[in-house]
C-alpha atoms as a PDB file:
ATOM      1  CA  UNK A   1       0.043   0.084   0.037  1.00  0.00           C
ATOM      2  CA  UNK A   2       1.470   3.416  -0.792  1.00  0.00           C
ATOM      3  CA  UNK A   3       0.282   6.586   0.946  1.00  0.00           C
ATOM      4  CA  UNK A   4       0.531   9.975  -0.756  1.00  0.00           C
ATOM      5  CA  UNK A   5       0.181  13.201   1.256  1.00  0.00           C
ATOM      6  CA  UNK A   6       0.967  14.795   4.797  1.00  0.00           C
ATOM      7  CA  UNK A   7      -0.897  13.765   7.829  1.00  0.00           C
ATOM      8  CA  UNK A   8      -1.338  16.089  10.678  1.00  0.00           C
ATOM      9  CA  UNK A   9      -0.457  14.566  14.131  1.00  0.00           C
ATOM     10  CA  UNK A  10      -0.981  16.738  17.492  1.00  0.00           C
ATOM     11  CA  UNK A  11       0.241  15.550  20.814  1.00  0.00           C
ATOM     12  CA  UNK A  12      -2.376  14.861  23.563  1.00  0.00           C
ATOM     13  CA  UNK A  13      -1.299  17.798  25.988  1.00  0.00           C
ATOM     14  CA  UNK A  14      -0.040  19.937  23.031  1.00  0.00           C
ATOM     15  CA  UNK A  15      -2.057  22.713  21.854  1.00  0.00           C
ATOM     16  CA  UNK A  16      -0.698  24.486  18.861  1.00  0.00           C
ATOM     17  CA  UNK A  17      -2.070  27.118  16.429  1.00  0.00           C
ATOM     18  CA  UNK A  18      -0.655  28.715  13.568  1.00  0.00           C
ATOM     19  CA  UNK A  19      -1.443  31.728  11.270  1.00  0.00           C
ATOM     20  CA  UNK A  20      -2.075  32.700   8.791  1.00  0.00           C
ATOM     21  CA  UNK A  21      -1.770  29.765   6.682  1.00  0.00           C
ATOM     22  CA  UNK A  22      -1.093  30.019   3.923  1.00  0.00           C
ATOM     23  CA  UNK A  23       1.421  32.931   4.798  1.00  0.00           C
ATOM     24  CA  UNK A  24       3.524  35.210   2.475  1.00  0.00           C
ATOM     25  CA  UNK A  25       5.789  37.136   5.133  1.00  0.00           C
ATOM     26  CA  UNK A  26       5.548  35.954   8.682  1.00  0.00           C
ATOM     27  CA  UNK A  27       3.877  32.724  10.073  1.00  0.00           C
ATOM     28  CA  UNK A  28       3.056  33.213  13.984  1.00  0.00           C
ATOM     29  CA  UNK A  29       2.966  29.747  16.144  1.00  0.00           C
ATOM     30  CA  UNK A  30       1.216  29.983  19.382  1.00  0.00           C
ATOM     31  CA  UNK A  31       2.353  27.119  21.738  1.00  0.00           C
ATOM     32  CA  UNK A  32       2.554  26.475  25.490  1.00  0.00           C
ATOM     33  CA  UNK A  33       5.576  27.649  27.305  1.00  0.00           C
ATOM     34  CA  UNK A  34       8.410  24.891  27.285  1.00  0.00           C
ATOM     35  CA  UNK A  35      11.521  23.876  25.364  1.00  0.00           C
ATOM     36  CA  UNK A  36      11.026  22.996  21.729  1.00  0.00           C
ATOM     37  CA  UNK A  37      13.058  22.037  18.850  1.00  0.00           C
ATOM     38  CA  UNK A  38      11.428  23.608  15.582  1.00  0.00           C
ATOM     39  CA  UNK A  39      12.204  21.999  12.090  1.00  0.00           C
ATOM     40  CA  UNK A  40      10.750  23.242   8.700  1.00  0.00           C
ATOM     41  CA  UNK A  41      10.779  20.864   6.008  1.00  0.00           C
ATOM     42  CA  UNK A  42      10.405  21.389   2.434  1.00  0.00           C
ATOM     43  CA  UNK A  43       8.226  19.017  -0.113  1.00  0.00           C
ATOM     44  CA  UNK A  44      11.582  17.248  -0.947  1.00  0.00           C
ATOM     45  CA  UNK A  45      12.342  16.214   2.727  1.00  0.00           C
ATOM     46  CA  UNK A  46      15.043  18.757   3.096  1.00  0.00           C
ATOM     47  CA  UNK A  47      15.311  20.523   6.608  1.00  0.00           C
ATOM     48  CA  UNK A  48      15.368  24.084   5.404  1.00  0.00           C
ATOM     49  CA  UNK A  49      14.795  25.992   8.934  1.00  0.00           C
ATOM     50  CA  UNK A  50      15.614  24.867  12.581  1.00  0.00           C
ATOM     51  CA  UNK A  51      15.270  26.729  15.818  1.00  0.00           C
ATOM     52  CA  UNK A  52      14.949  26.229  19.624  1.00  0.00           C
ATOM     53  CA  UNK A  53      12.122  28.120  21.185  1.00  0.00           C
ATOM     54  CA  UNK A  54      10.619  28.585  24.780  1.00  0.00           C
ATOM     55  CA  UNK A  55       7.208  29.448  23.667  1.00  0.00           C
ATOM     56  CA  UNK A  56       5.330  31.409  21.016  1.00  0.00           C
ATOM     57  CA  UNK A  57       7.350  32.125  17.667  1.00  0.00           C
ATOM     58  CA  UNK A  58       7.433  33.426  14.492  1.00  0.00           C
ATOM     59  CA  UNK A  59       8.927  32.108  11.117  1.00  0.00           C
ATOM     60  CA  UNK A  60       9.837  34.570   8.592  1.00  0.00           C
ATOM     61  CA  UNK A  61       9.494  33.873   4.795  1.00  0.00           C
ATOM     62  CA  UNK A  62      13.240  34.978   4.081  1.00  0.00           C
ATOM     63  CA  UNK A  63      14.599  32.495   1.690  1.00  0.00           C
ATOM     64  CA  UNK A  64      11.741  30.307   1.597  1.00  0.00           C
ATOM     65  CA  UNK A  65      10.045  29.445  -2.043  1.00  0.00           C
ATOM     66  CA  UNK A  66       6.426  29.336  -2.401  1.00  0.00           C
ATOM     67  CA  UNK A  67       5.140  25.879  -1.687  1.00  0.00           C
ATOM     68  CA  UNK A  68       4.224  23.413   0.880  1.00  0.00           C
ATOM     69  CA  UNK A  69       6.245  22.594   4.134  1.00  0.00           C
ATOM     70  CA  UNK A  70       5.808  20.438   7.207  1.00  0.00           C
ATOM     71  CA  UNK A  71       6.236  22.088  10.547  1.00  0.00           C
ATOM     72  CA  UNK A  72       7.493  19.561  13.093  1.00  0.00           C
ATOM     73  CA  UNK A  73       7.867  20.539  16.814  1.00  0.00           C
ATOM     74  CA  UNK A  74       9.860  18.047  19.105  1.00  0.00           C
ATOM     75  CA  UNK A  75      10.050  18.161  22.869  1.00  0.00           C
ATOM     76  CA  UNK A  76      12.195  15.956  25.009  1.00  0.00           C
ATOM     77  CA  UNK A  77      13.270  14.202  22.072  1.00  0.00           C
ATOM     78  CA  UNK A  78       9.654  13.501  20.911  1.00  0.00           C
ATOM     79  CA  UNK A  79       7.769  14.468  18.033  1.00  0.00           C
ATOM     80  CA  UNK A  80       4.812  16.293  19.723  1.00  0.00           C
ATOM     81  CA  UNK A  81       3.226  18.115  16.811  1.00  0.00           C
ATOM     82  CA  UNK A  82       3.248  18.032  12.713  1.00  0.00           C
ATOM     83  CA  UNK A  83       1.376  20.065  10.638  1.00  0.00           C
ATOM     84  CA  UNK A  84       1.159  21.393   6.930  1.00  0.00           C
ATOM     85  CA  UNK A  85       2.076  25.159   6.247  1.00  0.00           C
ATOM     86  CA  UNK A  86       1.758  26.773   2.774  1.00  0.00           C
ATOM     87  CA  UNK A  87       4.026  29.766   1.558  1.00  0.00           C
ATOM     88  CA  UNK A  88       2.404  32.023  -0.919  1.00  0.00           C
ATOM     89  CA  UNK A  89       3.422  34.679  -3.024  1.00  0.00           C
END
């Protein structure tokens, strides 16, 4: 069986919201206080952005081309959130 597409997974205790989606300049991410490792992955599976945060944060478009990306949030070595974001012109 072959699966195509990106599924969204949220951790039981992690309430994450991000807006606007799609975005063209800045993506705002609202997340509970805590230490997280953030990755933004392009459609080809390349990790294009990494950062460490301790609460709400923003992702600037600088250098990102138009398209679909996967936002992954890791806490204590565990993937706690994965969601699709779209960059548009």
